[in-house]
Structure formats: C-alpha cells, structure tokens
Protein backbone atom coordinates (compact mmCIF):
# COMPACT_ATOMS: atom_id res chain seq x y z
CA MET A 1 127.08 77.76 56.11
CA LEU A 2 124.75 74.95 55.92
CA ARG A 3 126.39 74.01 52.24
CA LYS A 4 129.65 74.36 53.68
CA ILE A 5 128.78 71.80 56.46
CA LYS A 6 127.21 69.35 54.02
CA THR A 7 130.25 69.95 51.71
CA SER A 8 132.81 69.49 53.89
CA VAL A 9 132.12 67.93 56.83
CA VAL A 10 129.39 65.49 55.59
CA ALA A 11 131.51 64.25 52.54
CA ALA A 12 134.82 64.13 54.85
CA LEU A 13 132.99 62.91 58.01
CA CYS A 14 131.09 60.45 56.92
CA CYS A 15 133.52 59.31 54.47
CA ILE A 16 130.77 59.06 51.51
CA VAL A 17 128.70 60.96 49.67
CA VAL A 18 125.05 61.81 51.05
CA GLY A 19 122.81 59.69 48.16
CA ALA A 20 120.03 57.29 47.72
CA GLY A 21 120.46 53.59 48.86
CA ALA A 22 118.90 50.64 50.40
CA ALA A 23 119.72 50.01 53.89
CA GLY A 24 120.97 46.56 55.26
CA CYS A 25 122.13 45.05 58.53
CA ASP A 26 125.61 43.49 59.52
CA GLY A 27 123.85 40.25 60.45
CA ASP A 28 124.41 36.34 58.91
CA ALA A 29 122.89 37.19 55.51
CA VAL A 30 125.79 36.54 53.80
CA GLU A 31 128.37 34.63 56.57
CA ASN A 32 128.04 31.15 55.71
CA TRP A 33 128.09 31.77 51.94
CA ASP A 34 131.30 32.32 50.10
CA PRO A 35 131.43 32.12 46.61
CA PHE A 36 135.30 31.65 46.82
CA ALA A 37 135.45 28.87 48.52
CA SER A 38 136.57 26.72 45.47
CA ALA A 39 138.42 29.32 44.05
CA THR A 40 142.31 29.04 43.65
CA ARG A 41 144.58 32.39 44.13
CA SER A 42 146.84 31.85 41.65
CA ALA A 43 145.58 33.94 38.51
CA ASP A 44 145.44 31.96 35.20
CA ALA A 45 144.26 35.17 32.93
CA ALA A 46 147.32 37.25 32.07
CA PRO A 47 148.37 40.03 34.50
CA ILE A 48 146.39 42.99 34.46
CA SER A 49 147.70 46.34 32.88
CA GLY A 50 145.68 49.42 33.06
CA THR A 51 142.07 49.59 33.81
CA GLU A 52 140.11 46.65 33.25
CA LYS A 53 136.83 44.90 34.23
CA ILE A 54 137.04 41.49 35.96
CA GLU A 55 134.19 39.02 37.59
CA VAL A 56 133.86 38.81 40.99
CA ALA A 57 130.81 36.46 42.58
CA GLY A 58 128.86 37.53 39.27
CA ARG A 59 129.54 41.16 39.67
CA SER A 60 132.01 43.24 36.94
CA VAL A 61 134.36 45.19 39.24
CA ASN A 62 136.36 47.59 38.12
CA VAL A 63 140.33 47.28 38.30
CA SER A 64 143.29 49.19 37.62
CA CYS A 65 147.23 47.71 38.04
CA SER A 66 150.70 49.31 37.17
CA GLY A 67 154.13 48.64 37.92
CA ASP A 68 155.89 45.39 37.66
CA PRO A 69 156.25 43.02 40.27
CA ALA A 70 159.40 42.79 42.26
CA LYS A 71 160.36 39.55 43.74
CA GLY A 72 159.66 39.33 47.64
CA LYS A 73 157.91 42.44 47.44
CA PRO A 74 153.82 42.39 48.52
CA VAL A 75 151.49 43.55 45.65
CA ILE A 76 150.30 47.35 47.37
CA VAL A 77 146.45 47.43 46.91
CA LEU A 78 144.88 50.92 47.15
CA MET A 79 141.41 51.25 48.53
CA HIS A 80 139.56 54.57 47.47
CA GLY A 81 137.21 56.27 50.38
CA GLY A 82 133.57 56.22 50.44
CA GLY A 83 131.72 58.41 47.56
CA ASP A 84 135.32 58.26 45.28
CA GLY A 85 136.92 55.80 43.10
CA LEU A 86 140.23 54.25 41.94
CA ASP A 87 140.44 57.00 39.82
CA LYS A 88 141.30 59.63 42.61
CA LEU A 89 144.23 57.33 43.81
CA ALA A 90 145.62 57.48 40.17
CA ALA A 91 148.38 59.86 41.04
CA VAL A 92 149.75 58.13 43.76
CA GLN A 93 149.33 54.47 42.34
CA LYS A 94 151.48 56.11 39.16
CA THR A 95 154.28 57.04 41.57
CA LEU A 96 154.14 54.04 43.75
CA SER A 97 154.30 51.78 40.38
CA GLU A 98 157.56 52.85 39.53
CA GLN A 99 159.16 50.70 42.16
CA ASN A 100 156.31 47.92 42.83
CA ARG A 101 153.37 46.73 41.69
CA VAL A 102 150.46 48.75 42.50
CA CYS A 103 146.04 47.47 41.96
CA SER A 104 142.83 49.94 43.13
CA TYR A 105 139.44 49.05 42.35
CA ASP A 106 136.47 50.53 42.63
CA ARG A 107 133.90 48.56 45.09
CA LEU A 108 130.50 47.67 43.98
CA GLY A 109 128.19 50.81 44.17
CA ALA A 110 131.10 52.99 43.18
CA GLY A 111 133.45 54.29 39.91
CA ALA A 112 132.57 51.96 37.19
CA SER A 113 131.85 48.63 39.07
CA ASP A 114 128.54 47.15 38.98
CA GLN A 115 125.91 48.03 41.92
CA PRO A 116 125.26 45.81 44.55
CA ASP A 117 122.19 43.41 44.34
CA GLY A 118 121.13 44.92 47.26
CA PRO A 119 122.28 45.89 50.98
CA GLN A 120 126.31 45.36 51.79
CA ASP A 121 127.71 44.49 55.19
CA ILE A 122 131.49 44.65 55.91
CA SER A 123 131.30 40.72 55.25
CA SER A 124 130.06 41.10 51.99
CA ALA A 125 132.54 43.99 50.96
CA GLY A 126 135.53 41.61 52.05
CA LYS A 127 134.23 39.18 50.23
CA ILE A 128 134.48 40.96 47.00
CA LEU A 129 137.95 42.22 48.12
CA THR A 130 139.09 38.54 48.54
CA GLY A 131 137.88 38.10 45.18
CA VAL A 132 139.85 40.93 43.51
CA LEU A 133 143.14 39.84 45.49
CA ASP A 134 142.60 36.31 44.07
CA ARG A 135 143.19 37.83 40.50
CA VAL A 136 145.69 40.85 41.15
CA ALA A 137 147.83 39.36 43.81
CA GLY A 138 147.60 35.19 43.24
CA ASP A 139 149.39 33.93 46.19
CA ARG A 140 151.83 36.81 46.78
CA PRO A 141 151.11 38.70 50.09
CA VAL A 142 149.48 42.15 49.83
CA VAL A 143 149.61 45.32 51.44
CA LEU A 144 146.54 47.13 51.61
CA ALA A 145 146.50 50.89 51.95
CA GLY A 146 143.00 52.58 52.52
CA HIS A 147 141.92 56.24 53.03
CA SER A 148 138.71 56.96 55.28
CA LEU A 149 136.24 54.40 54.78
CA GLY A 150 138.77 51.92 52.42
CA GLY A 151 140.71 52.24 55.52
CA LEU A 152 138.19 50.92 57.71
CA ILE A 153 137.49 48.18 55.52
CA ALA A 154 141.04 47.17 55.19
CA ALA A 155 141.68 47.21 58.73
CA ARG A 156 138.49 44.71 59.36
CA TYR A 157 139.43 42.48 56.70
CA ALA A 158 143.21 42.36 57.66
CA PRO A 159 142.74 40.37 61.14
CA ASP A 160 140.69 37.50 59.03
CA HIS A 161 143.20 36.82 56.57
CA GLN A 162 146.72 36.98 58.32
CA ASP A 163 147.75 34.62 55.52
CA ARG A 164 147.95 36.99 52.69
CA VAL A 165 147.32 40.54 54.24
CA LYS A 166 151.26 41.75 55.55
CA GLY A 167 151.14 45.50 56.25
CA LEU A 168 148.38 48.15 56.35
CA VAL A 169 148.76 51.90 55.73
CA LEU A 170 145.42 53.76 57.35
CA MET A 171 145.21 57.33 56.07
CA ASP A 172 142.86 58.89 58.17
CA ALA A 173 140.58 55.83 58.10
CA THR A 174 136.69 56.37 59.39
CA PRO A 175 137.24 55.04 62.92
CA PRO A 176 136.20 52.34 64.33
CA THR A 177 133.37 53.46 66.46
CA MET A 178 132.09 56.24 64.51
CA LEU A 179 128.69 55.66 64.73
CA ASP A 180 129.04 56.14 68.36
CA ASP A 181 131.05 58.71 68.07
CA ILE A 182 128.88 61.25 66.62
CA THR A 183 125.65 60.39 68.37
CA LYS A 184 127.95 61.51 71.75
CA ALA A 185 129.42 64.72 69.73
CA ILE A 186 125.99 65.91 68.59
CA PRO A 187 123.48 65.26 70.81
CA GLU A 188 119.71 63.84 69.70
CA SER A 189 118.62 67.63 71.11
CA ALA A 190 120.82 69.31 68.80
CA LYS A 191 118.60 71.89 66.60
CA GLY A 192 119.25 73.24 63.22
CA PRO A 193 122.52 72.53 61.06
CA ALA A 194 123.74 70.33 63.74
CA ALA A 195 120.44 68.27 63.75
CA GLU A 196 120.37 67.44 59.90
CA LEU A 197 124.33 66.89 60.15
CA ARG A 198 123.58 64.40 63.09
CA ALA A 199 120.62 62.89 60.90
CA GLN A 200 122.62 62.53 57.92
CA ASN A 201 125.43 60.98 59.31
CA LEU A 202 123.59 58.29 60.95
CA ALA A 203 121.36 57.60 57.89
CA ILE A 204 124.65 56.96 55.77
CA PHE A 205 126.32 54.75 58.34
CA GLN A 206 122.88 52.65 58.11
CA GLY A 207 123.31 52.30 54.59
CA GLN A 208 121.94 54.79 52.52
CA ASN A 209 124.92 55.82 50.50
CA PRO A 210 125.97 54.72 47.25
CA GLU A 211 127.65 51.73 47.95
CA LYS A 212 124.36 50.60 50.20
CA LEU A 213 126.96 49.61 52.87
CA VAL A 214 126.16 49.33 56.12
CA ILE A 215 129.03 50.30 58.47
CA PRO A 216 128.78 49.25 61.79
CA ASP A 217 130.76 50.30 65.12
CA GLY A 218 132.93 47.72 66.35
CA LYS A 219 136.27 46.60 68.21
CA VAL A 220 139.25 46.51 66.95
CA ARG A 221 140.74 42.99 66.31
CA SER A 222 144.63 42.74 66.14
CA ALA A 223 146.34 41.25 62.64
CA GLY A 224 149.58 40.01 64.02
CA ASN A 225 152.61 41.82 64.57
CA ILE A 226 152.49 43.36 60.74
CA PRO A 227 153.45 46.81 60.18
CA VAL A 228 150.95 49.21 60.56
CA GLU A 229 151.04 52.78 59.85
CA VAL A 230 147.92 54.86 60.94
CA ILE A 231 148.33 58.71 59.54
CA THR A 232 145.66 61.44 60.68
CA HIS A 233 145.28 64.84 59.03
CA GLY A 234 146.77 67.61 60.98
CA LYS A 235 144.60 70.87 60.08
CA PRO A 236 141.38 70.63 61.49
CA TYR A 237 138.31 70.38 59.31
CA LEU A 238 135.60 69.17 61.37
CA GLN A 239 135.15 72.94 62.75
CA ALA A 240 132.48 74.41 60.17
CA LEU A 241 130.08 73.35 63.13
CA PRO A 242 131.55 75.59 65.73
CA GLN A 243 129.30 74.36 68.97
CA TYR A 244 130.45 71.04 68.22
CA GLY A 245 133.47 70.40 65.79
CA PRO A 246 136.12 70.45 68.46
CA ARG A 247 134.53 66.77 69.82
CA LEU A 248 134.11 65.62 66.62
CA GLU A 249 138.00 66.59 66.09
CA LYS A 250 138.42 65.12 69.52
CA ALA A 251 136.63 61.67 68.42
CA TRP A 252 138.02 61.58 65.35
CA ALA A 253 141.82 61.61 66.84
CA ALA A 254 141.31 59.46 69.60
CA GLY A 255 139.35 56.80 66.79
CA GLN A 256 142.64 56.91 64.87
CA ARG A 257 144.66 55.95 68.12
CA ARG A 258 142.15 52.99 68.76
CA TRP A 259 143.34 51.53 65.12
CA LEU A 260 146.85 50.89 66.80
CA ALA A 261 145.35 47.90 68.45
CA LEU A 262 145.42 46.33 65.59
CA SER A 263 149.20 45.14 65.93
CA SER A 264 152.30 45.17 67.97
CA GLY A 265 153.81 47.22 64.95
CA SER A 266 151.75 49.85 64.63
CA THR A 267 152.43 53.60 64.62
CA LEU A 268 150.65 56.72 64.54
CA SER A 269 151.57 59.87 62.62
CA THR A 270 150.19 63.05 62.06
CA ALA A 271 150.35 64.86 58.17
CA ALA A 272 150.23 68.25 59.57
CA ASN A 273 149.65 70.30 56.33
CA SER A 274 146.52 67.88 55.37
CA GLU A 275 142.66 67.79 56.07
CA HIS A 276 141.02 64.34 54.81
CA TYR A 277 142.25 63.61 51.73
CA ILE A 278 146.19 63.06 52.88
CA TYR A 279 147.19 61.53 49.77
CA VAL A 280 146.13 64.63 47.85
CA ASP A 281 147.31 67.55 50.09
CA GLN A 282 150.49 65.51 51.33
CA PRO A 283 150.84 62.79 48.26
CA ASP A 284 154.64 62.64 49.91
CA VAL A 285 153.84 61.22 53.28
CA ALA A 286 150.93 59.14 51.94
CA VAL A 287 153.53 57.53 49.75
CA GLN A 288 156.51 57.41 52.00
CA ALA A 289 154.05 55.35 54.40
CA ILE A 290 153.26 53.04 52.03
CA GLU A 291 156.76 52.26 50.66
CA ARG A 292 157.84 51.94 54.48
CA VAL A 293 155.42 49.08 55.43
CA THR A 294 156.01 47.39 51.96
CA ALA A 295 159.57 47.25 52.67
CA GLN A 296 159.04 45.91 56.01
CA ALA A 297 156.55 43.21 54.72
CA ALA A 298 158.80 41.92 52.47
CA ARG A 299 161.53 40.94 55.00
C-alpha cells in the first residue's frame, strides 16, 4: 500500500519525482539579474526542426520544435510536469504540429537539459523560459500549455509577460496554494504512510526535487483578458490514502478554480475519463483545448 501511495499520490500530487536536490528560496537572489536584458527577440539562427540544444544564460537547454508557422497564429509551447521531460509530450506535439508551430523544452534539471547551477525559484525558471521563447518564437506571440508543475510555471509567468503570452492551457496544473493545501489536508499529527507522504510533499516543494526548484504558494495574478482554459481530472486519483484522500481531492479541485482568476476569459472543464495525465489519458481533450485557445489568441 505504501509503495502505491508513493508512486501514485506522491508523483501525481507533488507533480515531481521524489529525488535529491538542494533547497533554495523564492527571494531576491536573481530578481535584479536579467541575462536577456540586451537580447533581441528576433531569432537570427535557422528555425529549429526536431530536437536541438540551445544555450540560455550559459546553460544547455534541450528544445524540440515541429510544424510550420501559420500567418497570424501564435507559437504553441508545451511545458512538462515535474519529473517528466519533453519526450512525454511528443505525441501531443506531433498532433498539434499538423496545423501549428509547436515547441517544447526540458527545464534545467529535467530531461536532456543541463542541471541547474544551484537552487532555482520561479523567477529563475521564468528567465530560462524567456530565453527559450526568444529563440523559438522571436517576436511572435505564444500560447503556453502546461501540465502539472509546467502549468503552475506558465500561470506564474504569463502576468508579467502579457506582451507575448496570448493564451494559456492548464492541464491539471499544480494549484497555487498547494503547500498550504497539503499541510491542512494532512495534519502534522498524522501517523504512518500519511505522515511520510506529508513529509515527502513538504520536502519536494521546498526544493528537494530534480529541478532544485522551490515552489512557494502565491496569489493568482491577472494576465489580462487572454483566453485561458483550465482542465481538471475527472477520475479521483488521490484516494490511495483513505483517511485524507477526499480532503486532497477537494483541495485540488478548489485550486483549479483559483486559476480562473488569471483572466476574465478563463473557463474550467473536466476531463471525465482522466487521472492526472490528461494529455495521455484523453489526448483529444488536451489537443482540442490548445487548438481553441490558439485560435482565439490569433484573433
């Protein structure tokens, strides 16, 4: 039972594979440092076709692009969940690229990208994303489609980059108050597997994950009136811990509703036959949502 809890709840709820990493803080360490301050958005290099390593802030980042740019349409950028990489998004990318320009990338510490030099925070992860967008999209607008932790990063990034992010699709994104949700759903007095699950979650969100990324709670800020589709899972998967599972499911559902504050153009839907990996369980749901947002963003 404990193994089942670790592999299903921890991997899905925390959205990150449990692994070693240095803890960090979401402070001002990199707030005043912008490696892209003098960069232009126009990509002088040839467009990426297939998988390629690019340099961003002195680090090697693994990027994959496919499909032809369509006039007036944004570039779709897919963002993987914690513990995953761009390879897991390959099937969805292939389908979307039939009529769109689509790119994905491995964040530092994930897939085939470099390891981070040290602890990361949401700001530093956003700077890597900016460098990737500069290379794969240039001056063109983008739609960010993120799963799990990738959805949270996309949602945190969009409000500060409304000039280029013109749409969002969040596929069972990590809720904005997940840390608080966990501590309330599983009390400190919990024993046995529940206590272990709680401790693992807290460690992961404090930076003990492959990306060395600290994931703080925060308010949902507005990204304007851009189209936003929030998709939540319809098949409960957090019930492996009977005593606390219902609380976790309720908190997750509430977290998905909070993301609606991103935009006056937000909608929430449920992938009825999906657990956490919506784009795997129901790829048509993910593809159709991304295509809808892309079409709306192109208007």
